[in-house]
Amino acid sequence: MAIMHNPLYAGTFGATSAVRPLWAVMQRYGVDLVVTGHAHNYQRFYPQDENGNATPTGITEIIAGTGGASLQTLSTAPNQAAHVNHAFGVLALSLAPGAATTSLRTTDGRVLDTTITTCH
């Protein structure tokens, strides 16, 4: 797992192609999940390689930009599994041998997205 500020993929705002070489290195060394911010919304992507190809051996990216001063409207993007506009919240993360469970939990207690990422 890796945590970084700028996402490689994002709907409408925040995609940062400058991190593409880093993404390739992370995939080569078995990173399964990348949590980012920068875009002020929530987005989750199916596993992708550094060229945007959906692949089971790719990296799942979650943008957890749901805190802070403002929220941004986003559009869908290729390989986007989930997105949430205009909801403040946190990303709950539970790590276990072989898996990571993530949930977007809003400030009023709702769970808007949950997924399990299989890890190496």
PDB file of N, CA and C in Angstrom:
ATOM      1  N   MET A   1       0.842  -1.176   0.000  1.00  0.00           N
ATOM      2  CA  MET A   1       0.000   0.000   0.000  1.00  0.00           C
ATOM      3  C   MET A   1       0.885   1.236   0.000  1.00  0.00           C
ATOM      4  N   ALA A   2       0.393   2.280  -0.657  1.00  0.00           N
ATOM      5  CA  ALA A   2       1.100   3.556  -0.671  1.00  0.00           C
ATOM      6  C   ALA A   2       0.085   4.676  -0.447  1.00  0.00           C
ATOM      7  N   ILE A   3       0.557   5.740   0.169  1.00  0.00           N
ATOM      8  CA  ILE A   3      -0.251   6.942   0.367  1.00  0.00           C
ATOM      9  C   ILE A   3       0.525   8.097  -0.239  1.00  0.00           C
ATOM     10  N   MET A   4      -0.130   8.874  -1.102  1.00  0.00           N
ATOM     11  CA  MET A   4       0.522  10.019  -1.714  1.00  0.00           C
ATOM     12  C   MET A   4      -0.501  11.114  -1.989  1.00  0.00           C
ATOM     13  N   HIS A   5      -0.038  12.287  -2.264  1.00  0.00           N
ATOM     14  CA  HIS A   5      -0.950  13.419  -2.421  1.00  0.00           C
ATOM     15  C   HIS A   5      -1.667  13.411  -3.772  1.00  0.00           C
ATOM     16  N   ASN A   6      -0.929  13.369  -4.865  1.00  0.00           N
ATOM     17  CA  ASN A   6      -1.527  13.512  -6.189  1.00  0.00           C
ATOM     18  C   ASN A   6      -1.903  12.168  -6.799  1.00  0.00           C
ATOM     19  N   PRO A   7      -3.130  12.045  -7.318  1.00  0.00           N
ATOM     20  CA  PRO A   7      -3.544  10.805  -7.981  1.00  0.00           C
ATOM     21  C   PRO A   7      -3.052  10.751  -9.425  1.00  0.00           C
ATOM     22  N   LEU A   8      -2.882   9.549  -9.941  1.00  0.00           N
ATOM     23  CA  LEU A   8      -2.597   9.390 -11.362  1.00  0.00           C
ATOM     24  C   LEU A   8      -3.889   9.517 -12.155  1.00  0.00           C
ATOM     25  N   TYR A   9      -4.964   8.973 -11.626  1.00  0.00           N
ATOM     26  CA  TYR A   9      -6.254   9.002 -12.323  1.00  0.00           C
ATOM     27  C   TYR A   9      -7.255   9.792 -11.499  1.00  0.00           C
ATOM     28  N   ALA A  10      -8.125  10.543 -12.176  1.00  0.00           N
ATOM     29  CA  ALA A  10      -9.175  11.302 -11.497  1.00  0.00           C
ATOM     30  C   ALA A  10     -10.192  11.764 -12.529  1.00  0.00           C
ATOM     31  N   GLY A  11     -11.435  11.887 -12.102  1.00  0.00           N
ATOM     32  CA  GLY A  11     -12.473  12.447 -12.949  1.00  0.00           C
ATOM     33  C   GLY A  11     -12.482  13.962 -12.793  1.00  0.00           C
ATOM     34  N   THR A  12     -12.353  14.693 -13.871  1.00  0.00           N
ATOM     35  CA  THR A  12     -12.416  16.146 -13.984  1.00  0.00           C
ATOM     36  C   THR A  12     -11.195  16.881 -13.451  1.00  0.00           C
ATOM     37  N   PHE A  13     -10.785  16.675 -12.212  1.00  0.00           N
ATOM     38  CA  PHE A  13      -9.720  17.472 -11.609  1.00  0.00           C
ATOM     39  C   PHE A  13      -8.765  16.582 -10.826  1.00  0.00           C
ATOM     40  N   GLY A  14      -7.497  16.883 -10.885  1.00  0.00           N
ATOM     41  CA  GLY A  14      -6.543  16.255  -9.993  1.00  0.00           C
ATOM     42  C   GLY A  14      -5.626  15.229 -10.610  1.00  0.00           C
ATOM     43  N   ALA A  15      -5.976  14.670 -11.776  1.00  0.00           N
ATOM     44  CA  ALA A  15      -5.106  13.672 -12.392  1.00  0.00           C
ATOM     45  C   ALA A  15      -3.736  14.294 -12.651  1.00  0.00           C
ATOM     46  N   THR A  16      -2.686  13.573 -12.264  1.00  0.00           N
ATOM     47  CA  THR A  16      -1.336  14.113 -12.330  1.00  0.00           C
ATOM     48  C   THR A  16      -0.432  13.125 -13.060  1.00  0.00           C
ATOM     49  N   SER A  17      -0.203  13.373 -14.343  1.00  0.00           N
ATOM     50  CA  SER A  17       0.591  12.432 -15.146  1.00  0.00           C
ATOM     51  C   SER A  17       2.039  12.341 -14.677  1.00  0.00           C
ATOM     52  N   ALA A  18       2.518  13.334 -13.935  1.00  0.00           N
ATOM     53  CA  ALA A  18       3.903  13.306 -13.455  1.00  0.00           C
ATOM     54  C   ALA A  18       4.179  12.135 -12.513  1.00  0.00           C
ATOM     55  N   VAL A  19       3.130  11.535 -11.923  1.00  0.00           N
ATOM     56  CA  VAL A  19       3.346  10.398 -11.016  1.00  0.00           C
ATOM     57  C   VAL A  19       3.329   9.055 -11.751  1.00  0.00           C
ATOM     58  N   ARG A  20       3.152   9.077 -13.071  1.00  0.00           N
ATOM     59  CA  ARG A  20       3.095   7.830 -13.854  1.00  0.00           C
ATOM     60  C   ARG A  20       4.339   6.945 -13.659  1.00  0.00           C
ATOM     61  N   PRO A  21       5.565   7.495 -13.697  1.00  0.00           N
ATOM     62  CA  PRO A  21       6.737   6.634 -13.464  1.00  0.00           C
ATOM     63  C   PRO A  21       6.726   5.993 -12.075  1.00  0.00           C
ATOM     64  N   LEU A  22       6.279   6.726 -11.074  1.00  0.00           N
ATOM     65  CA  LEU A  22       6.176   6.176  -9.729  1.00  0.00           C
ATOM     66  C   LEU A  22       5.173   5.030  -9.694  1.00  0.00           C
ATOM     67  N   TRP A  23       4.058   5.198 -10.399  1.00  0.00           N
ATOM     68  CA  TRP A  23       3.021   4.163 -10.480  1.00  0.00           C
ATOM     69  C   TRP A  23       3.605   2.880 -11.070  1.00  0.00           C
ATOM     70  N   ALA A  24       4.409   3.020 -12.136  1.00  0.00           N
ATOM     71  CA  ALA A  24       5.021   1.842 -12.775  1.00  0.00           C
ATOM     72  C   ALA A  24       5.934   1.113 -11.795  1.00  0.00           C
ATOM     73  N   VAL A  25       6.704   1.851 -11.017  1.00  0.00           N
ATOM     74  CA  VAL A  25       7.594   1.235 -10.018  1.00  0.00           C
ATOM     75  C   VAL A  25       6.762   0.539  -8.935  1.00  0.00           C
ATOM     76  N   MET A  26       5.707   1.222  -8.459  1.00  0.00           N
ATOM     77  CA  MET A  26       4.866   0.610  -7.418  1.00  0.00           C
ATOM     78  C   MET A  26       4.234  -0.680  -7.916  1.00  0.00           C
ATOM     79  N   GLN A  27       3.756  -0.689  -9.157  1.00  0.00           N
ATOM     80  CA  GLN A  27       3.150  -1.904  -9.692  1.00  0.00           C
ATOM     81  C   GLN A  27       4.198  -3.012  -9.819  1.00  0.00           C
ATOM     82  N   ARG A  28       5.385  -2.668 -10.281  1.00  0.00           N
ATOM     83  CA  ARG A  28       6.448  -3.658 -10.435  1.00  0.00           C
ATOM     84  C   ARG A  28       6.781  -4.324  -9.105  1.00  0.00           C
ATOM     85  N   TYR A  29       6.691  -3.571  -8.006  1.00  0.00           N
ATOM     86  CA  TYR A  29       7.048  -4.111  -6.695  1.00  0.00           C
ATOM     87  C   TYR A  29       5.847  -4.554  -5.870  1.00  0.00           C
ATOM     88  N   GLY A  30       4.681  -4.717  -6.506  1.00  0.00           N
ATOM     89  CA  GLY A  30       3.559  -5.373  -5.859  1.00  0.00           C
ATOM     90  C   GLY A  30       2.629  -4.511  -5.027  1.00  0.00           C
ATOM     91  N   VAL A  31       2.636  -3.195  -5.226  1.00  0.00           N
ATOM     92  CA  VAL A  31       1.667  -2.358  -4.514  1.00  0.00           C
ATOM     93  C   VAL A  31       0.278  -2.668  -5.058  1.00  0.00           C
ATOM     94  N   ASP A  32      -0.675  -2.887  -4.163  1.00  0.00           N
ATOM     95  CA  ASP A  32      -2.041  -3.227  -4.561  1.00  0.00           C
ATOM     96  C   ASP A  32      -3.018  -2.066  -4.408  1.00  0.00           C
ATOM     97  N   LEU A  33      -2.718  -1.143  -3.484  1.00  0.00           N
ATOM     98  CA  LEU A  33      -3.654  -0.068  -3.165  1.00  0.00           C
ATOM     99  C   LEU A  33      -2.883   1.234  -2.986  1.00  0.00           C
ATOM    100  N   VAL A  34      -3.368   2.305  -3.632  1.00  0.00           N
ATOM    101  CA  VAL A  34      -2.815   3.647  -3.461  1.00  0.00           C
ATOM    102  C   VAL A  34      -3.954   4.552  -3.015  1.00  0.00           C
ATOM    103  N   VAL A  35      -3.740   5.246  -1.889  1.00  0.00           N
ATOM    104  CA  VAL A  35      -4.715   6.210  -1.379  1.00  0.00           C
ATOM    105  C   VAL A  35      -4.128   7.598  -1.608  1.00  0.00           C
ATOM    106  N   THR A  36      -4.905   8.464  -2.250  1.00  0.00           N
ATOM    107  CA  THR A  36      -4.447   9.811  -2.567  1.00  0.00           C
ATOM    108  C   THR A  36      -5.458  10.841  -2.072  1.00  0.00           C
ATOM    109  N   GLY A  37      -5.132  12.079  -2.290  1.00  0.00           N
ATOM    110  CA  GLY A  37      -6.015  13.203  -1.980  1.00  0.00           C
ATOM    111  C   GLY A  37      -6.057  14.119  -3.179  1.00  0.00           C
ATOM    112  N   HIS A  38      -5.746  15.376  -2.973  1.00  0.00           N
ATOM    113  CA  HIS A  38      -5.653  16.435  -3.972  1.00  0.00           C
ATOM    114  C   HIS A  38      -7.018  16.834  -4.531  1.00  0.00           C
ATOM    115  N   ALA A  39      -7.739  15.929  -5.167  1.00  0.00           N
ATOM    116  CA  ALA A  39      -9.095  16.231  -5.626  1.00  0.00           C
ATOM    117  C   ALA A  39     -10.007  16.210  -4.401  1.00  0.00           C
ATOM    118  N   HIS A  40     -10.879  17.180  -4.285  1.00  0.00           N
ATOM    119  CA  HIS A  40     -11.734  17.303  -3.094  1.00  0.00           C
ATOM    120  C   HIS A  40     -13.049  16.574  -3.317  1.00  0.00           C
ATOM    121  N   ASN A  41     -12.968  15.252  -3.370  1.00  0.00           N
ATOM    122  CA  ASN A  41     -14.124  14.378  -3.532  1.00  0.00           C
ATOM    123  C   ASN A  41     -13.652  12.955  -3.270  1.00  0.00           C
ATOM    124  N   TYR A  42     -14.520  11.979  -3.511  1.00  0.00           N
ATOM    125  CA  TYR A  42     -14.169  10.569  -3.318  1.00  0.00           C
ATOM    126  C   TYR A  42     -14.277   9.867  -4.659  1.00  0.00           C
ATOM    127  N   GLN A  43     -13.236   9.119  -4.989  1.00  0.00           N
ATOM    128  CA  GLN A  43     -13.249   8.310  -6.200  1.00  0.00           C
ATOM    129  C   GLN A  43     -12.512   7.003  -5.916  1.00  0.00           C
ATOM    130  N   ARG A  44     -13.035   5.922  -6.477  1.00  0.00           N
ATOM    131  CA  ARG A  44     -12.353   4.632  -6.387  1.00  0.00           C
ATOM    132  C   ARG A  44     -12.268   4.048  -7.789  1.00  0.00           C
ATOM    133  N   PHE A  45     -11.103   3.537  -8.134  1.00  0.00           N
ATOM    134  CA  PHE A  45     -10.861   2.995  -9.466  1.00  0.00           C
ATOM    135  C   PHE A  45     -10.572   1.506  -9.397  1.00  0.00           C
ATOM    136  N   TYR A  46     -11.012   0.788 -10.431  1.00  0.00           N
ATOM    137  CA  TYR A  46     -10.638  -0.612 -10.579  1.00  0.00           C
ATOM    138  C   TYR A  46      -9.118  -0.692 -10.755  1.00  0.00           C
ATOM    139  N   PRO A  47      -8.504  -1.834 -10.476  1.00  0.00           N
ATOM    140  CA  PRO A  47      -7.059  -1.951 -10.661  1.00  0.00           C
ATOM    141  C   PRO A  47      -6.643  -1.589 -12.093  1.00  0.00           C
ATOM    142  N   GLN A  48      -5.626  -0.711 -12.182  1.00  0.00           N
ATOM    143  CA  GLN A  48      -5.131  -0.241 -13.474  1.00  0.00           C
ATOM    144  C   GLN A  48      -3.606  -0.243 -13.484  1.00  0.00           C
ATOM    145  N   ASP A  49      -3.052  -0.347 -14.689  1.00  0.00           N
ATOM    146  CA  ASP A  49      -1.605  -0.180 -14.821  1.00  0.00           C
ATOM    147  C   ASP A  49      -1.298   1.297 -15.053  1.00  0.00           C
ATOM    148  N   GLU A  50      -0.032   1.613 -15.249  1.00  0.00           N
ATOM    149  CA  GLU A  50       0.367   3.017 -15.387  1.00  0.00           C
ATOM    150  C   GLU A  50      -0.134   3.674 -16.667  1.00  0.00           C
ATOM    151  N   ASN A  51      -0.653   2.870 -17.603  1.00  0.00           N
ATOM    152  CA  ASN A  51      -1.190   3.409 -18.855  1.00  0.00           C
ATOM    153  C   ASN A  51      -2.711   3.481 -18.868  1.00  0.00           C
ATOM    154  N   GLY A  52      -3.343   3.222 -17.735  1.00  0.00           N
ATOM    155  CA  GLY A  52      -4.799   3.317 -17.650  1.00  0.00           C
ATOM    156  C   GLY A  52      -5.532   2.082 -18.120  1.00  0.00           C
ATOM    157  N   ASN A  53      -4.842   0.978 -18.282  1.00  0.00           N
ATOM    158  CA  ASN A  53      -5.481  -0.272 -18.683  1.00  0.00           C
ATOM    159  C   ASN A  53      -5.968  -1.018 -17.451  1.00  0.00           C
ATOM    160  N   ALA A  54      -7.241  -1.375 -17.443  1.00  0.00           N
ATOM    161  CA  ALA A  54      -7.773  -2.179 -16.347  1.00  0.00           C
ATOM    162  C   ALA A  54      -7.149  -3.565 -16.421  1.00  0.00           C
ATOM    163  N   THR A  55      -6.613  -4.012 -15.287  1.00  0.00           N
ATOM    164  CA  THR A  55      -5.969  -5.315 -15.237  1.00  0.00           C
ATOM    165  C   THR A  55      -6.003  -5.829 -13.801  1.00  0.00           C
ATOM    166  N   PRO A  56      -6.257  -7.102 -13.595  1.00  0.00           N
ATOM    167  CA  PRO A  56      -6.280  -7.646 -12.236  1.00  0.00           C
ATOM    168  C   PRO A  56      -4.947  -7.500 -11.504  1.00  0.00           C
ATOM    169  N   THR A  57      -3.861  -7.316 -12.241  1.00  0.00           N
ATOM    170  CA  THR A  57      -2.555  -7.146 -11.610  1.00  0.00           C
ATOM    171  C   THR A  57      -2.199  -5.669 -11.413  1.00  0.00           C
ATOM    172  N   GLY A  58      -3.133  -4.783 -11.704  1.00  0.00           N
ATOM    173  CA  GLY A  58      -2.895  -3.356 -11.536  1.00  0.00           C
ATOM    174  C   GLY A  58      -3.101  -2.900 -10.096  1.00  0.00           C
ATOM    175  N   ILE A  59      -3.102  -1.583  -9.911  1.00  0.00           N
ATOM    176  CA  ILE A  59      -3.238  -0.966  -8.598  1.00  0.00           C
ATOM    177  C   ILE A  59      -4.613  -0.326  -8.475  1.00  0.00           C
ATOM    178  N   THR A  60      -5.278  -0.582  -7.351  1.00  0.00           N
ATOM    179  CA  THR A  60      -6.532   0.097  -7.041  1.00  0.00           C
ATOM    180  C   THR A  60      -6.189   1.469  -6.475  1.00  0.00           C
ATOM    181  N   GLU A  61      -6.777   2.519  -7.028  1.00  0.00           N
ATOM    182  CA  GLU A  61      -6.554   3.873  -6.525  1.00  0.00           C
ATOM    183  C   GLU A  61      -7.833   4.384  -5.877  1.00  0.00           C
ATOM    184  N   ILE A  62      -7.684   4.954  -4.684  1.00  0.00           N
ATOM    185  CA  ILE A  62      -8.796   5.617  -4.003  1.00  0.00           C
ATOM    186  C   ILE A  62      -8.382   7.051  -3.717  1.00  0.00           C
ATOM    187  N   ILE A  63      -9.195   7.993  -4.170  1.00  0.00           N
ATOM    188  CA  ILE A  63      -9.000   9.405  -3.836  1.00  0.00           C
ATOM    189  C   ILE A  63      -9.929   9.692  -2.671  1.00  0.00           C
ATOM    190  N   ALA A  64      -9.337  10.013  -1.533  1.00  0.00           N
ATOM    191  CA  ALA A  64     -10.105  10.284  -0.314  1.00  0.00           C
ATOM    192  C   ALA A  64      -9.944  11.760   0.042  1.00  0.00           C
ATOM    193  N   GLY A  65     -10.490  12.615  -0.805  1.00  0.00           N
ATOM    194  CA  GLY A  65     -10.378  14.057  -0.615  1.00  0.00           C
ATOM    195  C   GLY A  65     -11.642  14.662  -0.048  1.00  0.00           C
ATOM    196  N   THR A  66     -12.218  13.990   0.937  1.00  0.00           N
ATOM    197  CA  THR A  66     -13.534  14.404   1.450  1.00  0.00           C
ATOM    198  C   THR A  66     -13.455  15.186   2.753  1.00  0.00           C
ATOM    199  N   GLY A  67     -12.288  15.676   3.086  1.00  0.00           N
ATOM    200  CA  GLY A  67     -12.135  16.552   4.250  1.00  0.00           C
ATOM    201  C   GLY A  67     -11.675  17.907   3.766  1.00  0.00           C
ATOM    202  N   GLY A  68     -11.561  18.842   4.651  1.00  0.00           N
ATOM    203  CA  GLY A  68     -11.038  20.141   4.250  1.00  0.00           C
ATOM    204  C   GLY A  68     -12.116  21.189   4.073  1.00  0.00           C
ATOM    205  N   ALA A  69     -11.767  22.238   3.357  1.00  0.00           N
ATOM    206  CA  ALA A  69     -12.605  23.437   3.294  1.00  0.00           C
ATOM    207  C   ALA A  69     -13.713  23.370   2.253  1.00  0.00           C
ATOM    208  N   SER A  70     -13.525  22.624   1.181  1.00  0.00           N
ATOM    209  CA  SER A  70     -14.522  22.625   0.108  1.00  0.00           C
ATOM    210  C   SER A  70     -14.537  21.269  -0.579  1.00  0.00           C
ATOM    211  N   LEU A  71     -15.601  21.028  -1.317  1.00  0.00           N
ATOM    212  CA  LEU A  71     -15.720  19.803  -2.102  1.00  0.00           C
ATOM    213  C   LEU A  71     -15.883  20.183  -3.565  1.00  0.00           C
ATOM    214  N   GLN A  72     -15.398  19.333  -4.473  1.00  0.00           N
ATOM    215  CA  GLN A  72     -15.466  19.609  -5.901  1.00  0.00           C
ATOM    216  C   GLN A  72     -16.374  18.593  -6.585  1.00  0.00           C
ATOM    217  N   THR A  73     -17.085  19.075  -7.597  1.00  0.00           N
ATOM    218  CA  THR A  73     -17.904  18.194  -8.419  1.00  0.00           C
ATOM    219  C   THR A  73     -16.984  17.482  -9.406  1.00  0.00           C
ATOM    220  N   LEU A  74     -17.234  16.215  -9.619  1.00  0.00           N
ATOM    221  CA  LEU A  74     -16.414  15.461 -10.550  1.00  0.00           C
ATOM    222  C   LEU A  74     -17.277  14.746 -11.559  1.00  0.00           C
ATOM    223  N   SER A  75     -16.643  14.294 -12.598  1.00  0.00           N
ATOM    224  CA  SER A  75     -17.331  13.477 -13.592  1.00  0.00           C
ATOM    225  C   SER A  75     -16.733  12.082 -13.563  1.00  0.00           C
ATOM    226  N   THR A  76     -17.367  11.184 -14.275  1.00  0.00           N
ATOM    227  CA  THR A  76     -16.839   9.832 -14.327  1.00  0.00           C
ATOM    228  C   THR A  76     -15.570   9.815 -15.169  1.00  0.00           C
ATOM    229  N   ALA A  77     -14.767   8.811 -14.951  1.00  0.00           N
ATOM    230  CA  ALA A  77     -13.513   8.628 -15.677  1.00  0.00           C
ATOM    231  C   ALA A  77     -13.401   7.149 -16.036  1.00  0.00           C
ATOM    232  N   PRO A  78     -12.586   6.825 -17.021  1.00  0.00           N
ATOM    233  CA  PRO A  78     -12.415   5.411 -17.375  1.00  0.00           C
ATOM    234  C   PRO A  78     -11.977   4.586 -16.162  1.00  0.00           C
ATOM    235  N   ASN A  79     -12.542   3.410 -16.050  1.00  0.00           N
ATOM    236  CA  ASN A  79     -12.221   2.440 -14.991  1.00  0.00           C
ATOM    237  C   ASN A  79     -12.580   2.915 -13.588  1.00  0.00           C
ATOM    238  N   GLN A  80     -13.440   3.904 -13.487  1.00  0.00           N
ATOM    239  CA  GLN A  80     -13.876   4.405 -12.177  1.00  0.00           C
ATOM    240  C   GLN A  80     -14.959   3.477 -11.638  1.00  0.00           C
ATOM    241  N   ALA A  81     -14.721   2.907 -10.465  1.00  0.00           N
ATOM    242  CA  ALA A  81     -15.671   1.972  -9.864  1.00  0.00           C
ATOM    243  C   ALA A  81     -16.727   2.694  -9.036  1.00  0.00           C
ATOM    244  N   ALA A  82     -16.364   3.828  -8.416  1.00  0.00           N
ATOM    245  CA  ALA A  82     -17.301   4.577  -7.577  1.00  0.00           C
ATOM    246  C   ALA A  82     -16.834   6.020  -7.483  1.00  0.00           C
ATOM    247  N   HIS A  83     -17.791   6.927  -7.334  1.00  0.00           N
ATOM    248  CA  HIS A  83     -17.457   8.313  -7.043  1.00  0.00           C
ATOM    249  C   HIS A  83     -18.589   8.946  -6.248  1.00  0.00           C
ATOM    250  N   VAL A  84     -18.214   9.893  -5.391  1.00  0.00           N
ATOM    251  CA  VAL A  84     -19.182  10.564  -4.530  1.00  0.00           C
ATOM    252  C   VAL A  84     -18.904  12.063  -4.591  1.00  0.00           C
ATOM    253  N   ASN A  85     -19.914  12.816  -4.928  1.00  0.00           N
ATOM    254  CA  ASN A  85     -19.830  14.273  -4.937  1.00  0.00           C
ATOM    255  C   ASN A  85     -20.409  14.835  -3.649  1.00  0.00           C
ATOM    256  N   HIS A  86     -19.822  15.879  -3.147  1.00  0.00           N
ATOM    257  CA  HIS A  86     -20.394  16.725  -2.099  1.00  0.00           C
ATOM    258  C   HIS A  86     -20.769  15.991  -0.813  1.00  0.00           C
ATOM    259  N   ALA A  87     -19.860  15.176  -0.311  1.00  0.00           N
ATOM    260  CA  ALA A  87     -20.066  14.517   0.974  1.00  0.00           C
ATOM    261  C   ALA A  87     -18.750  14.559   1.755  1.00  0.00           C
ATOM    262  N   PHE A  88     -18.746  15.242   2.888  1.00  0.00           N
ATOM    263  CA  PHE A  88     -17.578  15.236   3.762  1.00  0.00           C
ATOM    264  C   PHE A  88     -17.511  13.895   4.486  1.00  0.00           C
ATOM    265  N   GLY A  89     -16.314  13.389   4.695  1.00  0.00           N
ATOM    266  CA  GLY A  89     -16.191  12.125   5.402  1.00  0.00           C
ATOM    267  C   GLY A  89     -14.743  11.685   5.508  1.00  0.00           C
ATOM    268  N   VAL A  90     -14.573  10.440   5.915  1.00  0.00           N
ATOM    269  CA  VAL A  90     -13.252   9.836   6.077  1.00  0.00           C
ATOM    270  C   VAL A  90     -13.217   8.484   5.385  1.00  0.00           C
ATOM    271  N   LEU A  91     -12.006   8.061   5.068  1.00  0.00           N
ATOM    272  CA  LEU A  91     -11.814   6.724   4.530  1.00  0.00           C
ATOM    273  C   LEU A  91     -11.402   5.826   5.680  1.00  0.00           C
ATOM    274  N   ALA A  92     -12.240   4.867   6.018  1.00  0.00           N
ATOM    275  CA  ALA A  92     -11.903   3.873   7.040  1.00  0.00           C
ATOM    276  C   ALA A  92     -11.144   2.759   6.338  1.00  0.00           C
ATOM    277  N   LEU A  93     -10.009   2.381   6.908  1.00  0.00           N
ATOM    278  CA  LEU A  93      -9.134   1.397   6.287  1.00  0.00           C
ATOM    279  C   LEU A  93      -8.806   0.319   7.302  1.00  0.00           C
ATOM    280  N   SER A  94      -9.034  -0.926   6.921  1.00  0.00           N
ATOM    281  CA  SER A  94      -8.707  -2.060   7.780  1.00  0.00           C
ATOM    282  C   SER A  94      -7.791  -2.997   6.999  1.00  0.00           C
ATOM    283  N   LEU A  95      -6.599  -3.211   7.535  1.00  0.00           N
ATOM    284  CA  LEU A  95      -5.633  -4.088   6.882  1.00  0.00           C
ATOM    285  C   LEU A  95      -5.603  -5.442   7.579  1.00  0.00           C
ATOM    286  N   ALA A  96      -5.551  -6.489   6.790  1.00  0.00           N
ATOM    287  CA  ALA A  96      -5.473  -7.856   7.312  1.00  0.00           C
ATOM    288  C   ALA A  96      -4.567  -8.645   6.369  1.00  0.00           C
ATOM    289  N   PRO A  97      -4.074  -9.787   6.791  1.00  0.00           N
ATOM    290  CA  PRO A  97      -3.249 -10.591   5.879  1.00  0.00           C
ATOM    291  C   PRO A  97      -4.012 -10.898   4.590  1.00  0.00           C
ATOM    292  N   GLY A  98      -3.489 -10.444   3.463  1.00  0.00           N
ATOM    293  CA  GLY A  98      -4.088 -10.741   2.170  1.00  0.00           C
ATOM    294  C   GLY A  98      -5.188  -9.821   1.703  1.00  0.00           C
ATOM    295  N   ALA A  99      -5.586  -8.818   2.500  1.00  0.00           N
ATOM    296  CA  ALA A  99      -6.694  -7.962   2.074  1.00  0.00           C
ATOM    297  C   ALA A  99      -6.676  -6.619   2.792  1.00  0.00           C
ATOM    298  N   ALA A 100      -7.263  -5.635   2.117  1.00  0.00           N
ATOM    299  CA  ALA A 100      -7.508  -4.329   2.706  1.00  0.00           C
ATOM    300  C   ALA A 100      -8.983  -4.003   2.479  1.00  0.00           C
ATOM    301  N   THR A 101      -9.693  -3.646   3.524  1.00  0.00           N
ATOM    302  CA  THR A 101     -11.089  -3.245   3.416  1.00  0.00           C
ATOM    303  C   THR A 101     -11.157  -1.734   3.608  1.00  0.00           C
ATOM    304  N   THR A 102     -11.829  -1.054   2.690  1.00  0.00           N
ATOM    305  CA  THR A 102     -11.974   0.394   2.788  1.00  0.00           C
ATOM    306  C   THR A 102     -13.452   0.759   2.733  1.00  0.00           C
ATOM    307  N   SER A 103     -13.796   1.826   3.465  1.00  0.00           N
ATOM    308  CA  SER A 103     -15.171   2.336   3.456  1.00  0.00           C
ATOM    309  C   SER A 103     -15.134   3.853   3.525  1.00  0.00           C
ATOM    310  N   LEU A 104     -15.942   4.497   2.694  1.00  0.00           N
ATOM    311  CA  LEU A 104     -16.140   5.938   2.810  1.00  0.00           C
ATOM    312  C   LEU A 104     -17.265   6.154   3.812  1.00  0.00           C
ATOM    313  N   ARG A 105     -16.944   6.821   4.922  1.00  0.00           N
ATOM    314  CA  ARG A 105     -17.926   7.086   5.972  1.00  0.00           C
ATOM    315  C   ARG A 105     -18.123   8.587   6.083  1.00  0.00           C
ATOM    316  N   THR A 106     -19.365   9.028   5.929  1.00  0.00           N
ATOM    317  CA  THR A 106     -19.657  10.453   5.976  1.00  0.00           C
ATOM    318  C   THR A 106     -19.672  10.948   7.414  1.00  0.00           C
ATOM    319  N   THR A 107     -19.639  12.259   7.565  1.00  0.00           N
ATOM    320  CA  THR A 107     -19.631  12.857   8.900  1.00  0.00           C
ATOM    321  C   THR A 107     -20.917  12.575   9.664  1.00  0.00           C
ATOM    322  N   ASP A 108     -21.996  12.221   8.962  1.00  0.00           N
ATOM    323  CA  ASP A 108     -23.240  11.869   9.660  1.00  0.00           C
ATOM    324  C   ASP A 108     -23.404  10.355   9.821  1.00  0.00           C
ATOM    325  N   GLY A 109     -22.333   9.585   9.552  1.00  0.00           N
ATOM    326  CA  GLY A 109     -22.341   8.151   9.839  1.00  0.00           C
ATOM    327  C   GLY A 109     -22.741   7.225   8.715  1.00  0.00           C
ATOM    328  N   ARG A 110     -23.102   7.745   7.566  1.00  0.00           N
ATOM    329  CA  ARG A 110     -23.473   6.866   6.445  1.00  0.00           C
ATOM    330  C   ARG A 110     -22.222   6.251   5.820  1.00  0.00           C
ATOM    331  N   VAL A 111     -22.361   5.042   5.313  1.00  0.00           N
ATOM    332  CA  VAL A 111     -21.297   4.387   4.551  1.00  0.00           C
ATOM    333  C   VAL A 111     -21.723   4.432   3.086  1.00  0.00           C
ATOM    334  N   LEU A 112     -20.938   5.153   2.266  1.00  0.00           N
ATOM    335  CA  LEU A 112     -21.331   5.372   0.874  1.00  0.00           C
ATOM    336  C   LEU A 112     -20.612   4.458  -0.115  1.00  0.00           C
ATOM    337  N   ASP A 113     -19.503   3.867   0.289  1.00  0.00           N
ATOM    338  CA  ASP A 113     -18.806   2.931  -0.588  1.00  0.00           C
ATOM    339  C   ASP A 113     -17.943   2.032   0.282  1.00  0.00           C
ATOM    340  N   THR A 114     -17.935   0.760  -0.029  1.00  0.00           N
ATOM    341  CA  THR A 114     -17.091  -0.210   0.663  1.00  0.00           C
ATOM    342  C   THR A 114     -16.515  -1.163  -0.367  1.00  0.00           C
ATOM    343  N   THR A 115     -15.266  -1.519  -0.187  1.00  0.00           N
ATOM    344  CA  THR A 115     -14.662  -2.504  -1.071  1.00  0.00           C
ATOM    345  C   THR A 115     -13.574  -3.281  -0.328  1.00  0.00           C
ATOM    346  N   ILE A 116     -13.266  -4.442  -0.842  1.00  0.00           N
ATOM    347  CA  ILE A 116     -12.169  -5.254  -0.346  1.00  0.00           C
ATOM    348  C   ILE A 116     -11.159  -5.406  -1.470  1.00  0.00           C
ATOM    349  N   THR A 117      -9.920  -5.039  -1.211  1.00  0.00           N
ATOM    350  CA  THR A 117      -8.851  -5.174  -2.183  1.00  0.00           C
ATOM    351  C   THR A 117      -7.981  -6.354  -1.762  1.00  0.00           C
ATOM    352  N   THR A 118      -7.829  -7.313  -2.651  1.00  0.00           N
ATOM    353  CA  THR A 118      -6.954  -8.456  -2.371  1.00  0.00           C
ATOM    354  C   THR A 118      -5.503  -8.006  -2.495  1.00  0.00           C
ATOM    355  N   CYS A 119      -4.713  -8.402  -1.535  1.00  0.00           N
ATOM    356  CA  CYS A 119      -3.299  -8.002  -1.507  1.00  0.00           C
ATOM    357  C   CYS A 119      -2.399  -9.210  -1.692  1.00  0.00           C
ATOM    358  N   HIS A 120      -1.198  -8.961  -2.167  1.00  0.00           N
ATOM    359  CA  HIS A 120      -0.208 -10.029  -2.354  1.00  0.00           C
ATOM    360  C   HIS A 120       0.205 -10.594  -1.019  1.00  0.00           C
TER     361      HIS A 120
END
